[in-house]
PDB file of all heavy atoms in Angstrom:
ATOM      1  N   ALA A   1      83.780 118.535 115.342  1.00  0.00           N
ATOM      2  CA  ALA A   1      85.261 118.342 115.343  1.00  0.00           C
ATOM      3  C   ALA A   1      85.677 117.059 115.980  1.00  0.00           C
ATOM      4  O   ALA A   1      86.764 116.544 115.738  1.00  0.00           O
ATOM      5  CB  ALA A   1      85.900 119.569 116.043  1.00  0.00           C
ATOM      6  N   GLN A   2      84.901 116.489 116.894  1.00  0.00           N
ATOM      7  CA  GLN A   2      85.204 115.244 117.599  1.00  0.00           C
ATOM      8  C   GLN A   2      84.694 114.012 116.811  1.00  0.00           C
ATOM      9  O   GLN A   2      84.880 112.881 117.264  1.00  0.00           O
ATOM     10  CB  GLN A   2      84.587 115.241 118.974  1.00  0.00           C
ATOM     11  CG  GLN A   2      85.291 116.181 119.992  1.00  0.00           C
ATOM     12  CD  GLN A   2      85.002 117.625 119.690  1.00  0.00           C
ATOM     13  OE1 GLN A   2      83.860 118.010 119.414  1.00  0.00           O
ATOM     14  NE2 GLN A   2      86.033 118.455 119.741  1.00  0.00           N
ATOM     15  N   GLY A   3      84.088 114.221 115.689  1.00  0.00           N
ATOM     16  CA  GLY A   3      83.605 113.133 114.878  1.00  0.00           C
ATOM     17  C   GLY A   3      82.207 112.607 115.249  1.00  0.00           C
ATOM     18  O   GLY A   3      81.831 111.561 114.798  1.00  0.00           O
ATOM     19  N   ASN A   4      81.497 113.351 116.099  1.00  0.00           N
ATOM     20  CA  ASN A   4      80.171 112.985 116.516  1.00  0.00           C
ATOM     21  C   ASN A   4      79.143 113.526 115.539  1.00  0.00           C
ATOM     22  O   ASN A   4      79.280 114.623 115.051  1.00  0.00           O
ATOM     23  CB  ASN A   4      79.851 113.486 117.922  1.00  0.00           C
ATOM     24  CG  ASN A   4      80.857 113.022 118.956  1.00  0.00           C
ATOM     25  OD1 ASN A   4      81.183 111.818 118.988  1.00  0.00           O
ATOM     26  ND2 ASN A   4      81.377 113.888 119.803  1.00  0.00           N
ATOM     27  N   GLU A   5      78.077 112.723 115.232  1.00  0.00           N
ATOM     28  CA  GLU A   5      77.037 113.171 114.386  1.00  0.00           C
ATOM     29  C   GLU A   5      76.233 114.284 115.027  1.00  0.00           C
ATOM     30  O   GLU A   5      75.918 114.247 116.208  1.00  0.00           O
ATOM     31  CB  GLU A   5      76.134 112.002 113.966  1.00  0.00           C
ATOM     32  CG  GLU A   5      76.783 111.054 112.965  1.00  0.00           C
ATOM     33  CD  GLU A   5      75.737 110.189 112.276  1.00  0.00           C
ATOM     34  OE1 GLU A   5      74.576 110.602 112.143  1.00  0.00           O
ATOM     35  OE2 GLU A   5      76.093 109.047 111.906  1.00  0.00           O
ATOM     36  N   ILE A   6      75.819 115.290 114.226  1.00  0.00           N
ATOM     37  CA  ILE A   6      75.029 116.417 114.666  1.00  0.00           C
ATOM     38  C   ILE A   6      73.588 116.120 114.369  1.00  0.00           C
ATOM     39  O   ILE A   6      73.265 115.504 113.356  1.00  0.00           O
ATOM     40  CB  ILE A   6      75.522 117.695 114.040  1.00  0.00           C
ATOM     41  CG1 ILE A   6      77.023 117.952 114.404  1.00  0.00           C
ATOM     42  CG2 ILE A   6      74.693 118.903 114.493  1.00  0.00           C
ATOM     43  CD1 ILE A   6      77.580 119.140 113.720  1.00  0.00           C
ATOM     44  N   GLY A   7      72.683 116.563 115.260  1.00  0.00           N
ATOM     45  CA  GLY A   7      71.230 116.256 115.153  1.00  0.00           C
ATOM     46  C   GLY A   7      70.620 116.778 113.878  1.00  0.00           C
ATOM     47  O   GLY A   7      71.215 117.396 113.017  1.00  0.00           O
ATOM     48  N   SER A   8      69.304 116.409 113.755  1.00  0.00           N
ATOM     49  CA  SER A   8      68.536 116.659 112.537  1.00  0.00           C
ATOM     50  C   SER A   8      68.183 118.122 112.294  1.00  0.00           C
ATOM     51  O   SER A   8      67.485 118.456 111.328  1.00  0.00           O
ATOM     52  CB  SER A   8      67.275 115.796 112.557  1.00  0.00           C
ATOM     53  OG  SER A   8      66.519 116.076 113.673  1.00  0.00           O
ATOM     54  N   ALA A   9      68.527 119.030 113.182  1.00  0.00           N
ATOM     55  CA  ALA A   9      68.163 120.410 113.063  1.00  0.00           C
ATOM     56  C   ALA A   9      68.861 121.045 111.875  1.00  0.00           C
ATOM     57  O   ALA A   9      68.420 122.076 111.344  1.00  0.00           O
ATOM     58  CB  ALA A   9      68.459 121.226 114.300  1.00  0.00           C
ATOM     59  N   LEU A  10      69.945 120.447 111.406  1.00  0.00           N
ATOM     60  CA  LEU A  10      70.674 120.929 110.232  1.00  0.00           C
ATOM     61  C   LEU A  10      70.362 120.149 109.021  1.00  0.00           C
ATOM     62  O   LEU A  10      70.095 118.941 109.083  1.00  0.00           O
ATOM     63  CB  LEU A  10      72.195 120.869 110.529  1.00  0.00           C
ATOM     64  CG  LEU A  10      72.718 121.813 111.583  1.00  0.00           C
ATOM     65  CD1 LEU A  10      74.202 121.504 111.841  1.00  0.00           C
ATOM     66  CD2 LEU A  10      72.578 123.260 111.208  1.00  0.00           C
ATOM     67  N   THR A  11      70.366 120.782 107.867  1.00  0.00           N
ATOM     68  CA  THR A  11      70.104 120.075 106.598  1.00  0.00           C
ATOM     69  C   THR A  11      71.259 120.357 105.664  1.00  0.00           C
ATOM     70  O   THR A  11      71.900 121.415 105.705  1.00  0.00           O
ATOM     71  CB  THR A  11      68.831 120.553 105.927  1.00  0.00           C
ATOM     72  OG1 THR A  11      68.899 121.977 105.694  1.00  0.00           O
ATOM     73  CG2 THR A  11      67.598 120.252 106.834  1.00  0.00           C
ATOM     74  N   ALA A  12      71.610 119.349 104.799  1.00  0.00           N
ATOM     75  CA  ALA A  12      72.649 119.465 103.835  1.00  0.00           C
ATOM     76  C   ALA A  12      72.052 119.330 102.457  1.00  0.00           C
ATOM     77  O   ALA A  12      71.144 118.511 102.184  1.00  0.00           O
ATOM     78  CB  ALA A  12      73.696 118.395 104.075  1.00  0.00           C
ATOM     79  N   SER A  13      72.590 120.136 101.551  1.00  0.00           N
ATOM     80  CA  SER A  13      72.120 120.047 100.161  1.00  0.00           C
ATOM     81  C   SER A  13      73.308 119.931  99.199  1.00  0.00           C
ATOM     82  O   SER A  13      74.187 120.764  99.204  1.00  0.00           O
ATOM     83  CB  SER A  13      71.311 121.321  99.787  1.00  0.00           C
ATOM     84  OG  SER A  13      70.884 121.294  98.479  1.00  0.00           O
ATOM     85  N   PRO A  14      73.298 118.803  98.452  1.00  0.00           N
ATOM     86  CA  PRO A  14      72.429 117.675  98.455  1.00  0.00           C
ATOM     87  C   PRO A  14      72.661 116.756  99.639  1.00  0.00           C
ATOM     88  O   PRO A  14      73.733 116.852 100.278  1.00  0.00           O
ATOM     89  CB  PRO A  14      72.704 116.991  97.144  1.00  0.00           C
ATOM     90  CG  PRO A  14      74.173 117.231  96.925  1.00  0.00           C
ATOM     91  CD  PRO A  14      74.408 118.665  97.439  1.00  0.00           C
ATOM     92  N   SER A  15      71.774 115.855  99.854  1.00  0.00           N
ATOM     93  CA  SER A  15      71.887 114.906 100.999  1.00  0.00           C
ATOM     94  C   SER A  15      72.569 113.625 100.612  1.00  0.00           C
ATOM     95  O   SER A  15      72.941 112.800 101.411  1.00  0.00           O
ATOM     96  CB  SER A  15      70.551 114.648 101.650  1.00  0.00           C
ATOM     97  OG  SER A  15      69.621 114.079 100.671  1.00  0.00           O
ATOM     98  N   PHE A  16      72.650 113.374  99.254  1.00  0.00           N
ATOM     99  CA  PHE A  16      73.321 112.186  98.726  1.00  0.00           C
ATOM    100  C   PHE A  16      74.514 112.617  97.873  1.00  0.00           C
ATOM    101  O   PHE A  16      74.409 113.619  97.165  1.00  0.00           O
ATOM    102  CB  PHE A  16      72.392 111.326  97.900  1.00  0.00           C
ATOM    103  CG  PHE A  16      71.589 110.350  98.734  1.00  0.00           C
ATOM    104  CD1 PHE A  16      70.558 110.753  99.518  1.00  0.00           C
ATOM    105  CD2 PHE A  16      71.935 109.001  98.707  1.00  0.00           C
ATOM    106  CE1 PHE A  16      69.830 109.861 100.277  1.00  0.00           C
ATOM    107  CE2 PHE A  16      71.274 108.104  99.459  1.00  0.00           C
ATOM    108  CZ  PHE A  16      70.170 108.447 100.273  1.00  0.00           C
ATOM    109  N   ILE A  17      75.597 111.863  97.942  1.00  0.00           N
ATOM    110  CA  ILE A  17      76.828 112.150  97.206  1.00  0.00           C
ATOM    111  C   ILE A  17      77.087 111.042  96.224  1.00  0.00           C
ATOM    112  O   ILE A  17      77.013 109.835  96.573  1.00  0.00           O
ATOM    113  CB  ILE A  17      78.035 112.293  98.158  1.00  0.00           C
ATOM    114  CG1 ILE A  17      77.743 113.426  99.212  1.00  0.00           C
ATOM    115  CG2 ILE A  17      79.274 112.705  97.372  1.00  0.00           C
ATOM    116  CD1 ILE A  17      77.458 114.742  98.646  1.00  0.00           C
ATOM    117  N   MET A  18      77.438 111.410  94.990  1.00  0.00           N
ATOM    118  CA  MET A  18      77.844 110.472  93.973  1.00  0.00           C
ATOM    119  C   MET A  18      79.371 110.369  93.896  1.00  0.00           C
ATOM    120  O   MET A  18      80.050 111.393  93.836  1.00  0.00           O
ATOM    121  CB  MET A  18      77.286 110.875  92.596  1.00  0.00           C
ATOM    122  CG  MET A  18      77.454 109.867  91.521  1.00  0.00           C
ATOM    123  SD  MET A  18      76.438 108.396  91.815  1.00  0.00           S
ATOM    124  CE  MET A  18      77.059 107.339  90.536  1.00  0.00           C
ATOM    125  N   MET A  19      79.871 109.135  93.879  1.00  0.00           N
ATOM    126  CA  MET A  19      81.355 108.936  93.887  1.00  0.00           C
ATOM    127  C   MET A  19      81.742 107.894  92.896  1.00  0.00           C
ATOM    128  O   MET A  19      81.010 106.967  92.584  1.00  0.00           O
ATOM    129  CB  MET A  19      81.790 108.499  95.304  1.00  0.00           C
ATOM    130  CG  MET A  19      81.761 109.586  96.353  1.00  0.00           C
ATOM    131  SD  MET A  19      81.584 108.850  98.011  1.00  0.00           S
ATOM    132  CE  MET A  19      79.904 108.227  97.875  1.00  0.00           C
ATOM    133  N   SER A  20      83.002 108.033  92.422  1.00  0.00           N
ATOM    134  CA  SER A  20      83.685 107.009  91.601  1.00  0.00           C
ATOM    135  C   SER A  20      84.818 106.485  92.450  1.00  0.00           C
ATOM    136  O   SER A  20      85.669 107.271  92.929  1.00  0.00           O
ATOM    137  CB  SER A  20      84.165 107.600  90.328  1.00  0.00           C
ATOM    138  OG  SER A  20      83.122 108.071  89.519  1.00  0.00           O
ATOM    139  N   ILE A  21      84.878 105.194  92.597  1.00  0.00           N
ATOM    140  CA  ILE A  21      85.857 104.513  93.471  1.00  0.00           C
ATOM    141  C   ILE A  21      86.760 103.652  92.637  1.00  0.00           C
ATOM    142  O   ILE A  21      86.259 102.797  91.871  1.00  0.00           O
ATOM    143  CB  ILE A  21      85.146 103.677  94.564  1.00  0.00           C
ATOM    144  CG1 ILE A  21      84.257 104.567  95.437  1.00  0.00           C
ATOM    145  CG2 ILE A  21      86.206 103.002  95.447  1.00  0.00           C
ATOM    146  CD1 ILE A  21      82.810 104.461  95.095  1.00  0.00           C
ATOM    147  N   ASP A  22      88.060 103.855  92.746  1.00  0.00           N
ATOM    148  CA  ASP A  22      89.057 102.994  92.084  1.00  0.00           C
ATOM    149  C   ASP A  22      89.466 101.862  93.018  1.00  0.00           C
ATOM    150  O   ASP A  22      89.681 102.145  94.243  1.00  0.00           O
ATOM    151  CB  ASP A  22      90.303 103.770  91.681  1.00  0.00           C
ATOM    152  CG  ASP A  22      90.167 104.368  90.271  1.00  0.00           C
ATOM    153  OD1 ASP A  22      89.161 104.031  89.582  1.00  0.00           O
ATOM    154  OD2 ASP A  22      91.029 105.153  89.881  1.00  0.00           O
ATOM    155  N   VAL A  23      89.593 100.685  92.514  1.00  0.00           N
ATOM    156  CA  VAL A  23      90.066  99.530  93.341  1.00  0.00           C
ATOM    157  C   VAL A  23      91.114  98.824  92.537  1.00  0.00           C
ATOM    158  O   VAL A  23      90.842  98.341  91.412  1.00  0.00           O
ATOM    159  CB  VAL A  23      88.916  98.568  93.700  1.00  0.00           C
ATOM    160  CG1 VAL A  23      89.469  97.448  94.580  1.00  0.00           C
ATOM    161  CG2 VAL A  23      87.776  99.304  94.396  1.00  0.00           C
ATOM    162  N   TYR A  24      92.369  98.727  93.072  1.00  0.00           N
ATOM    163  CA  TYR A  24      93.455  98.101  92.377  1.00  0.00           C
ATOM    164  C   TYR A  24      94.308  97.274  93.364  1.00  0.00           C
ATOM    165  O   TYR A  24      94.356  97.608  94.574  1.00  0.00           O
ATOM    166  CB  TYR A  24      94.335  99.115  91.702  1.00  0.00           C
ATOM    167  CG  TYR A  24      93.791  99.723  90.444  1.00  0.00           C
ATOM    168  CD1 TYR A  24      93.142 100.943  90.506  1.00  0.00           C
ATOM    169  CD2 TYR A  24      93.983  99.101  89.212  1.00  0.00           C
ATOM    170  CE1 TYR A  24      92.621 101.518  89.353  1.00  0.00           C
ATOM    171  CE2 TYR A  24      93.396  99.663  88.081  1.00  0.00           C
ATOM    172  CZ  TYR A  24      92.769 100.857  88.093  1.00  0.00           C
ATOM    173  OH  TYR A  24      92.226 101.388  86.978  1.00  0.00           O
ATOM    174  N   PRO A  25      94.971  96.223  92.923  1.00  0.00           N
ATOM    175  CA  PRO A  25      95.943  95.562  93.729  1.00  0.00           C
ATOM    176  C   PRO A  25      97.070  96.426  94.130  1.00  0.00           C
ATOM    177  O   PRO A  25      97.412  97.370  93.393  1.00  0.00           O
ATOM    178  CB  PRO A  25      96.388  94.353  92.884  1.00  0.00           C
ATOM    179  CG  PRO A  25      95.367  94.256  91.785  1.00  0.00           C
ATOM    180  CD  PRO A  25      94.861  95.580  91.567  1.00  0.00           C
ATOM    181  N   LYS A  26      97.699  96.189  95.303  1.00  0.00           N
ATOM    182  CA  LYS A  26      98.824  97.025  95.690  1.00  0.00           C
ATOM    183  C   LYS A  26      99.965  96.109  96.208  1.00  0.00           C
ATOM    184  O   LYS A  26      99.717  94.927  96.507  1.00  0.00           O
ATOM    185  CB  LYS A  26      98.434  97.999  96.779  1.00  0.00           C
ATOM    186  CG  LYS A  26      98.066  97.408  98.124  1.00  0.00           C
ATOM    187  CD  LYS A  26      97.690  98.542  99.074  1.00  0.00           C
ATOM    188  CE  LYS A  26      97.357  97.971 100.470  1.00  0.00           C
ATOM    189  NZ  LYS A  26      96.982  99.016 101.402  1.00  0.00           N
ATOM    190  N   ALA A  27     101.138  96.640  96.260  1.00  0.00           N
ATOM    191  CA  ALA A  27     102.321  95.877  96.642  1.00  0.00           C
ATOM    192  C   ALA A  27     103.310  96.816  97.341  1.00  0.00           C
ATOM    193  O   ALA A  27     103.377  98.035  97.065  1.00  0.00           O
ATOM    194  CB  ALA A  27     102.977  95.183  95.488  1.00  0.00           C
ATOM    195  N   GLN A  28     104.146  96.218  98.213  1.00  0.00           N
ATOM    196  CA  GLN A  28     105.226  96.927  98.855  1.00  0.00           C
ATOM    197  C   GLN A  28     106.526  96.703  98.091  1.00  0.00           C
ATOM    198  O   GLN A  28     106.927  95.555  97.927  1.00  0.00           O
ATOM    199  CB  GLN A  28     105.418  96.485 100.297  1.00  0.00           C
ATOM    200  CG  GLN A  28     104.268  96.888 101.218  1.00  0.00           C
ATOM    201  CD  GLN A  28     104.380  98.345 101.669  1.00  0.00           C
ATOM    202  OE1 GLN A  28     105.425  98.905 101.612  1.00  0.00           O
ATOM    203  NE2 GLN A  28     103.306  98.854 102.194  1.00  0.00           N
ATOM    204  N   LEU A  29     107.178  97.741  97.629  1.00  0.00           N
ATOM    205  CA  LEU A  29     108.425  97.615  96.832  1.00  0.00           C
ATOM    206  C   LEU A  29     109.551  98.338  97.582  1.00  0.00           C
ATOM    207  O   LEU A  29     109.370  99.425  98.118  1.00  0.00           O
ATOM    208  CB  LEU A  29     108.290  98.193  95.446  1.00  0.00           C
ATOM    209  CG  LEU A  29     107.267  97.536  94.533  1.00  0.00           C
ATOM    210  CD1 LEU A  29     107.234  98.286  93.174  1.00  0.00           C
ATOM    211  CD2 LEU A  29     107.582  96.090  94.333  1.00  0.00           C
ATOM    212  N   SER A  30     110.724  97.649  97.679  1.00  0.00           N
ATOM    213  CA  SER A  30     111.895  98.282  98.299  1.00  0.00           C
ATOM    214  C   SER A  30     112.534  99.333  97.367  1.00  0.00           C
ATOM    215  O   SER A  30     112.368  99.248  96.126  1.00  0.00           O
ATOM    216  CB  SER A  30     112.909  97.217  98.705  1.00  0.00           C
ATOM    217  OG  SER A  30     113.351  96.553  97.546  1.00  0.00           O
ATOM    218  N   VAL A  31     113.187 100.326  97.966  1.00  0.00           N
ATOM    219  CA  VAL A  31     113.868 101.373  97.221  1.00  0.00           C
ATOM    220  C   VAL A  31     115.345 101.009  97.157  1.00  0.00           C
ATOM    221  O   VAL A  31     116.005 100.804  98.131  1.00  0.00           O
ATOM    222  CB  VAL A  31     113.644 102.767  97.856  1.00  0.00           C
ATOM    223  CG1 VAL A  31     114.366 103.800  97.029  1.00  0.00           C
ATOM    224  CG2 VAL A  31     112.203 103.063  97.989  1.00  0.00           C
ATOM    225  N   ASN A  32     115.879 100.954  95.920  1.00  0.00           N
ATOM    226  CA  ASN A  32     117.286 100.634  95.727  1.00  0.00           C
ATOM    227  C   ASN A  32     118.131 101.720  96.276  1.00  0.00           C
ATOM    228  O   ASN A  32     118.044 102.885  95.908  1.00  0.00           O
ATOM    229  CB  ASN A  32     117.546 100.464  94.153  1.00  0.00           C
ATOM    230  CG  ASN A  32     118.946  99.951  93.874  1.00  0.00           C
ATOM    231  OD1 ASN A  32     119.835 100.046  94.708  1.00  0.00           O
ATOM    232  ND2 ASN A  32     119.113  99.477  92.687  1.00  0.00           N
ATOM    233  N   HIS A  33     119.059 101.299  97.201  1.00  0.00           N
ATOM    234  CA  HIS A  33     119.962 102.283  97.832  1.00  0.00           C
ATOM    235  C   HIS A  33     121.419 101.898  97.618  1.00  0.00           C
ATOM    236  O   HIS A  33     122.301 102.213  98.435  1.00  0.00           O
ATOM    237  CB  HIS A  33     119.656 102.429  99.271  1.00  0.00           C
ATOM    238  CG  HIS A  33     119.795 101.214 100.108  1.00  0.00           C
ATOM    239  ND1 HIS A  33     118.762 100.277 100.126  1.00  0.00           N
ATOM    240  CD2 HIS A  33     120.738 100.687 100.866  1.00  0.00           C
ATOM    241  CE1 HIS A  33     119.144  99.262 100.900  1.00  0.00           C
ATOM    242  NE2 HIS A  33     120.338  99.510 101.377  1.00  0.00           N
ATOM    243  N   ASN A  34     121.707 101.223  96.519  1.00  0.00           N
ATOM    244  CA  ASN A  34     123.099 100.903  96.189  1.00  0.00           C
ATOM    245  C   ASN A  34     123.878 102.172  95.933  1.00  0.00           C
ATOM    246  O   ASN A  34     123.449 103.091  95.295  1.00  0.00           O
ATOM    247  CB  ASN A  34     123.083  99.997  94.904  1.00  0.00           C
ATOM    248  CG  ASN A  34     124.484  99.537  94.526  1.00  0.00           C
ATOM    249  OD1 ASN A  34     125.277 100.309  93.976  1.00  0.00           O
ATOM    250  ND2 ASN A  34     124.779  98.249  94.855  1.00  0.00           N
ATOM    251  N   ILE A  35     125.093 102.190  96.483  1.00  0.00           N
ATOM    252  CA  ILE A  35     125.925 103.412  96.391  1.00  0.00           C
ATOM    253  C   ILE A  35     126.148 103.791  94.967  1.00  0.00           C
ATOM    254  O   ILE A  35     126.135 105.008  94.571  1.00  0.00           O
ATOM    255  CB  ILE A  35     127.263 103.205  97.162  1.00  0.00           C
ATOM    256  CG1 ILE A  35     126.976 103.133  98.641  1.00  0.00           C
ATOM    257  CG2 ILE A  35     128.242 104.348  96.861  1.00  0.00           C
ATOM    258  CD1 ILE A  35     128.257 102.885  99.461  1.00  0.00           C
ATOM    259  N   ASP A  36     126.413 102.819  94.099  1.00  0.00           N
ATOM    260  CA  ASP A  36     126.781 103.084  92.699  1.00  0.00           C
ATOM    261  C   ASP A  36     125.640 103.738  91.946  1.00  0.00           C
ATOM    262  O   ASP A  36     125.846 104.587  91.045  1.00  0.00           O
ATOM    263  CB  ASP A  36     127.205 101.819  92.013  1.00  0.00           C
ATOM    264  CG  ASP A  36     128.509 101.185  92.588  1.00  0.00           C
ATOM    265  OD1 ASP A  36     129.278 101.980  93.126  1.00  0.00           O
ATOM    266  OD2 ASP A  36     128.652  99.987  92.515  1.00  0.00           O
ATOM    267  N   THR A  37     124.395 103.344  92.258  1.00  0.00           N
ATOM    268  CA  THR A  37     123.243 103.948  91.536  1.00  0.00           C
ATOM    269  C   THR A  37     122.610 105.079  92.294  1.00  0.00           C
ATOM    270  O   THR A  37     121.859 105.877  91.659  1.00  0.00           O
ATOM    271  CB  THR A  37     122.202 102.849  91.307  1.00  0.00           C
ATOM    272  OG1 THR A  37     121.760 102.315  92.575  1.00  0.00           O
ATOM    273  CG2 THR A  37     122.730 101.715  90.426  1.00  0.00           C
ATOM    274  N   ALA A  38     122.896 105.246  93.559  1.00  0.00           N
ATOM    275  CA  ALA A  38     122.228 106.273  94.354  1.00  0.00           C
ATOM    276  C   ALA A  38     122.941 107.650  94.189  1.00  0.00           C
ATOM    277  O   ALA A  38     122.385 108.690  94.489  1.00  0.00           O
ATOM    278  CB  ALA A  38     122.178 105.911  95.815  1.00  0.00           C
ATOM    279  N   THR A  39     124.236 107.599  93.794  1.00  0.00           N
ATOM    280  CA  THR A  39     124.955 108.904  93.699  1.00  0.00           C
ATOM    281  C   THR A  39     125.604 109.038  92.339  1.00  0.00           C
ATOM    282  O   THR A  39     125.821 108.081  91.568  1.00  0.00           O
ATOM    283  CB  THR A  39     126.100 108.938  94.758  1.00  0.00           C
ATOM    284  OG1 THR A  39     127.003 107.852  94.528  1.00  0.00           O
ATOM    285  CG2 THR A  39     125.459 108.810  96.169  1.00  0.00           C
TER     286      THR A  39
END
């Protein structure tokens, strides 16, 4: 629970994980809060 690795007495099955990773550009966009369009 503290993020510390636990010793080798335990085994996990499987020991390797297959993953698909998405990588895309990102941007910060402001949210329009004009009174006329917000209500």
